N, C-alpha and C. Protein backbone atom coordinates (compact mmCIF):
# COMPACT_ATOMS: atom_id res chain seq x y z
N MET A 1 208.36 157.31 202.01
CA MET A 1 207.64 158.01 201.71
C MET A 1 206.14 157.74 201.75
N LYS A 2 205.06 158.79 201.86
CA LYS A 2 203.87 158.19 201.89
C LYS A 2 203.33 157.54 200.59
N THR A 3 202.28 156.49 200.41
CA THR A 3 201.49 156.43 199.25
C THR A 3 200.35 156.82 199.22
N VAL A 4 200.11 157.11 197.84
CA VAL A 4 198.76 157.62 197.67
C VAL A 4 197.70 157.25 198.31
N ARG A 5 197.47 156.26 198.76
CA ARG A 5 196.31 155.48 199.39
C ARG A 5 196.91 156.17 200.56
N SER A 6 197.77 156.28 201.50
CA SER A 6 197.42 156.47 202.74
C SER A 6 197.94 158.67 202.72
N LEU A 7 197.82 158.80 201.54
CA LEU A 7 197.73 160.51 201.88
C LEU A 7 196.30 160.51 201.70
N LEU A 8 195.51 160.15 200.77
CA LEU A 8 194.22 160.29 200.56
C LEU A 8 193.23 159.48 201.67
N GLN A 9 193.66 158.64 202.57
CA GLN A 9 193.35 158.47 204.01
C GLN A 9 193.31 160.08 205.12
N GLU A 10 194.06 160.56 204.94
CA GLU A 10 194.13 161.93 205.54
C GLU A 10 193.52 163.02 205.13
N LYS A 11 193.55 163.39 203.84
CA LYS A 11 193.03 164.03 202.72
C LYS A 11 191.59 164.28 202.74
N GLY A 12 191.47 163.11 202.79
CA GLY A 12 190.13 162.63 202.09
C GLY A 12 189.65 162.62 200.60
N HIS A 13 188.63 161.37 199.94
CA HIS A 13 188.41 161.39 198.65
C HIS A 13 187.38 161.98 198.25
N ASP A 14 186.99 163.10 198.74
CA ASP A 14 186.30 164.26 197.80
C ASP A 14 186.77 164.83 196.86
N VAL A 15 185.78 164.72 195.37
CA VAL A 15 186.85 164.99 194.28
C VAL A 15 185.04 165.07 193.97
N VAL A 16 185.08 167.09 193.59
CA VAL A 16 184.43 168.00 192.35
C VAL A 16 184.40 167.99 191.32
N VAL A 17 182.97 167.33 190.13
CA VAL A 17 183.56 167.04 188.68
C VAL A 17 182.59 167.82 188.42
N ILE A 18 182.75 167.58 187.10
CA ILE A 18 181.46 168.51 185.95
C ILE A 18 181.45 167.47 184.95
N GLY A 19 180.20 167.56 183.87
CA GLY A 19 180.22 167.20 183.07
C GLY A 19 180.68 168.17 181.51
N PRO A 20 181.15 167.63 180.20
CA PRO A 20 181.51 168.34 179.56
C PRO A 20 180.63 169.05 178.56
N SER A 21 179.33 168.90 178.92
CA SER A 21 178.54 169.46 178.06
C SER A 21 178.13 170.98 179.14
N ASP A 22 178.63 170.94 180.24
CA ASP A 22 178.59 172.10 181.17
C ASP A 22 178.76 173.12 180.91
N SER A 23 177.96 174.06 181.13
CA SER A 23 178.96 175.47 180.93
C SER A 23 180.54 176.01 181.58
N VAL A 24 181.75 176.75 180.92
CA VAL A 24 182.43 176.92 181.49
C VAL A 24 182.55 178.48 182.26
N SER A 25 181.19 178.97 182.92
CA SER A 25 180.55 179.53 184.14
C SER A 25 180.21 178.62 185.04
N ASP A 26 179.61 177.97 184.58
CA ASP A 26 179.42 176.78 186.04
C ASP A 26 180.44 176.19 186.78
N ALA A 27 181.71 175.05 185.51
CA ALA A 27 182.69 174.95 186.25
C ALA A 27 183.64 176.40 186.86
N MET A 28 183.74 177.98 186.59
CA MET A 28 184.48 178.23 187.30
C MET A 28 183.43 178.55 188.90
N GLN A 29 182.45 178.51 188.98
CA GLN A 29 181.62 178.68 189.73
C GLN A 29 181.92 178.12 190.77
N LYS A 30 181.97 176.69 190.31
CA LYS A 30 182.02 175.36 191.08
C LYS A 30 183.57 175.18 191.38
N MET A 31 184.75 176.10 191.05
CA MET A 31 185.84 176.46 191.49
C MET A 31 186.01 177.29 192.30
N THR A 32 185.28 178.34 192.45
CA THR A 32 185.11 179.32 193.00
C THR A 32 184.10 178.90 194.39
N THR A 33 183.40 178.56 194.35
CA THR A 33 182.73 178.21 196.02
C THR A 33 183.35 176.80 196.43
N ASN A 34 184.03 175.87 196.13
CA ASN A 34 184.85 174.36 196.49
C ASN A 34 186.31 175.09 196.63
N ASN A 35 187.44 176.28 196.04
CA ASN A 35 188.07 176.79 196.85
C ASN A 35 189.39 175.52 195.97
N ILE A 36 188.66 175.68 195.02
CA ILE A 36 189.78 174.62 194.12
C ILE A 36 190.29 174.78 192.65
N GLY A 37 191.44 174.53 192.42
CA GLY A 37 192.05 174.94 191.30
C GLY A 37 191.61 174.26 189.89
N ALA A 38 190.57 172.54 189.92
CA ALA A 38 190.62 171.78 188.98
C ALA A 38 189.51 170.94 188.98
N LEU A 39 188.61 170.66 188.38
CA LEU A 39 187.88 169.89 188.31
C LEU A 39 187.63 168.89 187.20
N LEU A 40 187.86 167.45 187.83
CA LEU A 40 187.60 166.16 187.06
C LEU A 40 185.91 166.58 186.00
N VAL A 41 186.81 166.09 184.80
CA VAL A 41 185.66 165.97 184.00
C VAL A 41 184.99 164.51 183.31
N VAL A 42 183.75 164.28 183.59
CA VAL A 42 183.21 163.13 183.88
C VAL A 42 181.75 162.63 183.23
N LYS A 43 182.05 161.62 182.09
CA LYS A 43 180.42 161.12 181.59
C LYS A 43 180.56 159.85 181.59
N ASP A 44 179.16 159.47 182.04
CA ASP A 44 178.72 158.05 182.46
C ASP A 44 179.59 157.75 183.79
N LYS A 45 180.09 158.31 184.71
CA LYS A 45 180.76 158.08 185.96
C LYS A 45 182.81 157.66 185.39
N LYS A 46 182.63 158.36 184.15
CA LYS A 46 184.11 157.86 183.35
C LYS A 46 184.54 159.20 183.38
N LEU A 47 185.96 159.04 183.62
CA LEU A 47 187.09 160.77 183.58
C LEU A 47 187.49 160.62 181.90
N ILE A 48 187.08 161.76 181.64
CA ILE A 48 187.47 161.95 180.15
C ILE A 48 187.97 163.09 180.29
N GLY A 49 188.51 163.76 180.91
CA GLY A 49 189.15 165.02 181.34
C GLY A 49 189.41 165.76 182.68
N ILE A 50 189.67 166.93 182.84
CA ILE A 50 190.70 168.00 183.73
C ILE A 50 190.13 169.35 183.12
N LEU A 51 189.83 170.20 183.97
CA LEU A 51 189.67 171.77 183.47
C LEU A 51 190.31 172.54 184.73
N THR A 52 190.70 172.89 184.32
CA THR A 52 191.86 173.94 185.73
C THR A 52 191.58 174.78 185.12
N GLU A 53 192.25 175.67 185.84
CA GLU A 53 192.50 177.01 186.12
C GLU A 53 193.18 177.81 184.96
N ARG A 54 194.28 176.93 185.50
CA ARG A 54 195.26 176.60 183.36
C ARG A 54 194.76 176.85 182.45
N ASP A 55 193.64 176.24 182.09
CA ASP A 55 193.34 175.43 181.02
C ASP A 55 192.02 176.60 180.60
N PHE A 56 191.44 177.51 181.96
CA PHE A 56 190.43 178.69 181.29
C PHE A 56 191.60 179.53 181.41
N SER A 57 192.79 180.24 181.82
CA SER A 57 193.26 181.43 181.03
C SER A 57 193.90 181.31 180.03
N ARG A 58 194.46 180.24 179.88
CA ARG A 58 194.95 179.70 178.90
C ARG A 58 193.86 179.71 177.38
N LYS A 59 192.78 179.16 177.22
CA LYS A 59 192.47 178.88 176.61
C LYS A 59 191.19 179.51 175.90
N TYR A 60 190.63 180.52 177.23
CA TYR A 60 189.47 180.58 177.24
C TYR A 60 189.20 182.30 176.14
N CYS A 61 190.78 183.36 176.39
CA CYS A 61 190.25 184.37 175.59
C CYS A 61 190.68 183.55 174.16
N LEU A 62 191.18 182.24 173.04
CA LEU A 62 191.23 182.11 172.21
C LEU A 62 189.89 182.03 171.18
N LEU A 63 189.22 181.46 172.24
CA LEU A 63 187.53 181.40 171.95
C LEU A 63 187.15 182.11 171.41
N ASN A 64 187.13 183.83 172.20
CA ASN A 64 186.70 185.10 172.53
C ASN A 64 185.16 184.99 172.20
N ARG A 65 184.57 184.15 173.28
CA ARG A 65 183.28 183.64 173.68
C ARG A 65 183.05 184.05 174.90
N SER A 66 181.49 184.00 175.44
CA SER A 66 181.16 184.31 176.80
C SER A 66 181.55 183.20 177.76
N VAL A 67 181.66 183.14 178.59
CA VAL A 67 181.82 182.08 179.49
C VAL A 67 180.83 181.37 179.47
N LYS A 68 179.63 181.93 179.24
CA LYS A 68 178.28 181.53 179.44
C LYS A 68 177.29 180.02 178.20
N ASP A 69 178.15 180.89 177.43
CA ASP A 69 177.67 180.08 175.88
C ASP A 69 179.31 178.82 175.19
N MET A 70 180.12 179.11 176.34
CA MET A 70 180.88 178.12 176.31
C MET A 70 181.26 177.07 177.22
N ARG A 71 181.53 175.44 176.34
CA ARG A 71 181.16 174.16 177.00
C ARG A 71 182.87 173.82 177.63
N VAL A 72 182.55 173.44 178.59
CA VAL A 72 183.91 173.07 179.94
C VAL A 72 184.23 171.53 178.22
N GLU A 73 183.97 171.00 177.53
CA GLU A 73 184.88 170.39 176.60
C GLU A 73 184.96 170.77 175.49
N GLU A 74 184.91 172.35 175.59
CA GLU A 74 186.03 173.11 174.35
C GLU A 74 187.05 173.25 174.91
N ILE A 75 187.45 173.80 176.53
CA ILE A 75 189.18 174.10 177.06
C ILE A 75 189.71 173.22 177.75
N MET A 76 188.59 171.69 178.02
CA MET A 76 189.32 171.01 178.89
C MET A 76 190.57 170.28 178.60
N THR A 77 191.31 169.61 179.36
CA THR A 77 192.55 168.92 179.17
C THR A 77 192.16 167.57 178.70
N ARG A 78 192.28 166.82 177.51
CA ARG A 78 191.66 165.82 177.45
C ARG A 78 192.44 164.28 177.56
N GLN A 79 193.61 164.51 177.51
CA GLN A 79 194.51 163.38 178.13
C GLN A 79 194.97 163.64 179.64
N VAL A 80 194.54 162.87 180.20
CA VAL A 80 194.91 163.25 181.73
C VAL A 80 195.65 162.00 181.86
N ALA A 81 196.80 163.21 183.11
CA ALA A 81 197.63 161.36 183.52
C ALA A 81 196.92 161.61 184.92
N TYR A 82 197.21 160.38 185.04
CA TYR A 82 196.82 159.99 186.99
C TYR A 82 197.64 158.78 187.11
N VAL A 83 197.45 158.67 188.87
CA VAL A 83 198.01 158.07 189.62
C VAL A 83 197.10 156.90 190.15
N GLY A 84 197.95 156.27 190.72
CA GLY A 84 197.09 154.62 191.39
C GLY A 84 197.48 154.37 192.49
N LEU A 85 196.67 154.43 193.43
CA LEU A 85 196.72 154.08 194.98
C LEU A 85 198.09 153.51 195.61
N ASP A 86 198.57 152.82 195.03
CA ASP A 86 199.99 152.66 195.40
C ASP A 86 201.18 153.36 195.24
N TYR A 87 201.47 154.50 194.34
CA TYR A 87 201.93 155.52 194.36
C TYR A 87 202.47 155.98 195.21
N THR A 88 203.93 156.54 194.89
CA THR A 88 203.84 157.15 196.26
C THR A 88 204.33 159.00 196.33
N ASN A 89 204.01 159.34 197.24
CA ASN A 89 204.08 161.27 197.21
C ASN A 89 205.33 162.03 196.17
N GLU A 90 206.00 160.16 196.31
CA GLU A 90 207.74 160.64 195.57
C GLU A 90 207.27 160.90 193.47
N ASP A 91 206.21 159.37 193.58
CA ASP A 91 206.66 159.19 192.37
C ASP A 91 205.63 160.43 191.49
N CYS A 92 204.38 160.76 192.26
CA CYS A 92 203.24 162.04 191.93
C CYS A 92 204.51 163.22 191.67
N MET A 93 205.23 163.55 192.75
CA MET A 93 206.11 165.03 192.50
C MET A 93 207.05 164.85 191.21
N ALA A 94 207.30 163.59 190.75
CA ALA A 94 207.94 163.38 190.02
C ALA A 94 207.16 163.37 188.32
N LEU A 95 206.23 162.67 188.58
CA LEU A 95 205.22 162.97 186.86
C LEU A 95 204.43 164.46 187.22
N MET A 96 204.40 165.20 188.58
CA MET A 96 203.80 166.20 187.94
C MET A 96 204.61 167.74 187.88
N THR A 97 205.84 167.37 187.79
CA THR A 97 207.13 167.87 187.71
C THR A 97 207.81 167.71 186.05
N GLU A 98 208.15 166.26 186.10
CA GLU A 98 208.17 166.41 184.45
C GLU A 98 206.38 166.90 183.35
N ILE A 99 205.58 166.64 183.32
CA ILE A 99 204.64 167.04 182.67
C ILE A 99 203.62 168.27 182.80
N CYS A 100 204.20 169.23 184.25
CA CYS A 100 204.30 170.14 184.04
C CYS A 100 202.33 170.95 184.14
N VAL A 101 202.05 169.55 185.55
CA VAL A 101 200.60 169.93 185.86
C VAL A 101 200.52 169.66 187.83
N ARG A 102 199.36 170.50 187.89
CA ARG A 102 199.65 170.72 189.44
C ARG A 102 198.63 169.77 190.33
N HIS A 103 197.60 169.01 189.36
CA HIS A 103 196.10 168.14 189.84
C HIS A 103 196.71 166.62 189.19
N LEU A 104 196.50 165.54 190.27
CA LEU A 104 196.55 164.31 189.52
C LEU A 104 195.35 163.55 189.81
N PRO A 105 194.27 163.59 189.02
CA PRO A 105 193.79 162.13 189.71
C PRO A 105 194.09 160.48 190.14
N VAL A 106 193.44 160.26 190.86
CA VAL A 106 193.75 159.07 191.58
C VAL A 106 191.95 158.38 191.39
N LEU A 107 193.04 157.32 190.42
CA LEU A 107 191.93 156.64 190.28
C LEU A 107 192.41 154.86 190.67
N ASP A 108 191.21 154.17 190.79
CA ASP A 108 191.65 152.62 191.25
C ASP A 108 190.97 151.56 190.49
N ASP A 109 191.06 151.12 189.70
CA ASP A 109 190.03 150.17 188.82
C ASP A 109 189.39 150.75 187.78
N GLY A 110 189.82 152.10 187.17
CA GLY A 110 189.34 152.61 186.34
C GLY A 110 187.98 153.69 186.90
N ASN A 111 188.12 153.63 188.72
CA ASN A 111 186.86 154.26 189.57
C ASN A 111 188.03 155.58 190.05
N ILE A 112 187.48 156.83 189.97
CA ILE A 112 188.10 157.92 190.83
C ILE A 112 187.84 157.81 191.64
N VAL A 113 189.09 157.77 193.13
CA VAL A 113 189.12 157.86 194.34
C VAL A 113 189.47 159.23 195.10
N GLY A 114 189.76 160.09 194.20
CA GLY A 114 190.19 161.17 194.93
C GLY A 114 191.53 161.75 193.67
N ILE A 115 191.82 162.65 194.45
CA ILE A 115 192.69 164.18 193.41
C ILE A 115 193.59 163.89 194.53
N LEU A 116 194.74 164.39 193.90
CA LEU A 116 195.74 165.53 194.70
C LEU A 116 196.58 166.49 194.11
N SER A 117 197.02 166.85 195.34
CA SER A 117 197.48 168.77 193.82
C SER A 117 199.06 168.62 194.95
N ILE A 118 199.34 169.70 193.88
CA ILE A 118 200.92 169.50 194.47
C ILE A 118 200.62 170.33 195.86
N GLY A 119 199.95 170.92 196.54
CA GLY A 119 199.76 171.40 197.27
C GLY A 119 199.63 170.40 198.74
N ASP A 120 198.75 169.48 198.19
CA ASP A 120 198.55 168.37 199.30
C ASP A 120 200.35 167.43 199.43
N LEU A 121 201.20 167.69 198.35
CA LEU A 121 201.78 166.44 198.26
C LEU A 121 202.87 167.72 199.36
N VAL A 122 203.34 168.92 198.91
CA VAL A 122 204.04 169.73 199.55
C VAL A 122 203.99 169.56 201.37
N LYS A 123 202.74 169.95 201.27
CA LYS A 123 202.38 170.04 202.88
C LYS A 123 202.69 168.24 203.77
N ASP A 124 202.78 167.33 202.99
CA ASP A 124 203.17 166.08 203.28
C ASP A 124 204.62 165.82 203.87
N ILE A 125 205.27 166.76 202.38
CA ILE A 125 206.71 166.20 202.75
C ILE A 125 207.61 167.35 203.63
N ILE A 126 206.49 168.73 203.63
CA ILE A 126 206.58 169.40 204.83
C ILE A 126 206.73 168.81 206.91
N SER A 127 205.77 168.29 206.26
CA SER A 127 205.14 167.53 207.65
C SER A 127 206.42 166.29 208.07
N GLN A 128 206.63 165.92 207.07
CA GLN A 128 207.97 164.76 207.21
C GLN A 128 208.88 165.22 207.27
N HIS A 129 209.33 166.42 207.11
CA HIS A 129 210.87 167.12 207.68
C HIS A 129 210.14 167.18 208.98
N GLU A 130 209.40 168.26 209.40
CA GLU A 130 209.38 168.52 210.45
C GLU A 130 209.12 167.26 211.92
N PHE A 131 208.61 166.38 211.54
CA PHE A 131 208.73 164.53 212.24
C PHE A 131 210.29 165.12 212.48
N VAL A 132 211.04 164.92 211.20
CA VAL A 132 212.23 164.83 210.68
C VAL A 132 213.01 165.42 211.69
N ILE A 133 212.86 166.77 211.88
CA ILE A 133 213.81 168.05 212.51
C ILE A 133 213.51 168.05 214.01
N GLN A 134 212.43 167.60 214.40
CA GLN A 134 211.45 167.27 215.98
C GLN A 134 212.57 166.06 216.83
N GLN A 135 212.45 165.22 215.90
CA GLN A 135 213.60 163.77 216.24
C GLN A 135 215.09 164.32 216.42
N LEU A 136 215.49 164.68 215.64
CA LEU A 136 217.43 165.31 215.70
C LEU A 136 216.70 165.84 217.13
N ILE A 137 216.03 166.89 217.32
CA ILE A 137 215.95 168.10 218.30
C ILE A 137 216.36 167.29 219.45
N GLN A 138 215.37 165.96 219.86
CA GLN A 138 215.55 165.49 221.39
C GLN A 138 216.80 164.66 221.22
N TYR A 139 217.09 164.27 219.62
CA TYR A 139 218.38 163.42 219.91
C TYR A 139 219.20 163.91 220.75
N ILE A 140 219.55 165.43 220.22
CA ILE A 140 220.45 166.40 220.22
C ILE A 140 220.42 166.65 221.61
N TYR A 141 219.30 166.61 222.36
CA TYR A 141 218.84 166.71 223.65
C TYR A 141 219.43 165.72 225.31
N ASP A 142 218.89 164.80 224.19
CA ASP A 142 219.14 163.69 225.42
C ASP A 142 220.61 163.18 224.96
N ALA A 143 221.04 163.75 224.33
CA ALA A 143 222.81 163.14 224.32
C ALA A 143 223.49 164.71 224.89
N ARG A 144 222.78 165.42 225.38
CA ARG A 144 223.64 166.50 225.83
C ARG A 144 223.87 166.02 227.32
N GLU A 145 222.62 165.57 227.84
CA GLU A 145 221.99 165.26 229.78
C GLU A 145 223.28 163.97 229.48
N ILE A 146 223.53 163.21 228.90
CA ILE A 146 224.42 161.98 228.67
C ILE A 146 225.92 162.67 229.57
């Protein structure tokens, strides 16, 4: 299994962030523009929460206010599960499954260095399986020639 470090080397370290006092409207626009499902909420360069499409869809209607008047801190998830660079793909998938989340920020010494989605992890697993299948096909092909 690959480590988070190697997954981020392939994917990149780009992270889209938003401030806690920014409007939910701005947050949704950022998600749409960047084609992503989560924003890390940062204050003074520190991770203080995460805002996901799920947060929006489940909490927005409860507040019964305009998204332009609603602040990110009102609907963000404050207790954020995160991983380090030495976690494996398998570790991340187990954590995501256990706590029912789709995005994991990656921290190194308290600093944000990336984010992984369930899609990133599944893509990696599919790639690994395709490699094994190709190796088995080649093995069978070579064995038939003997």
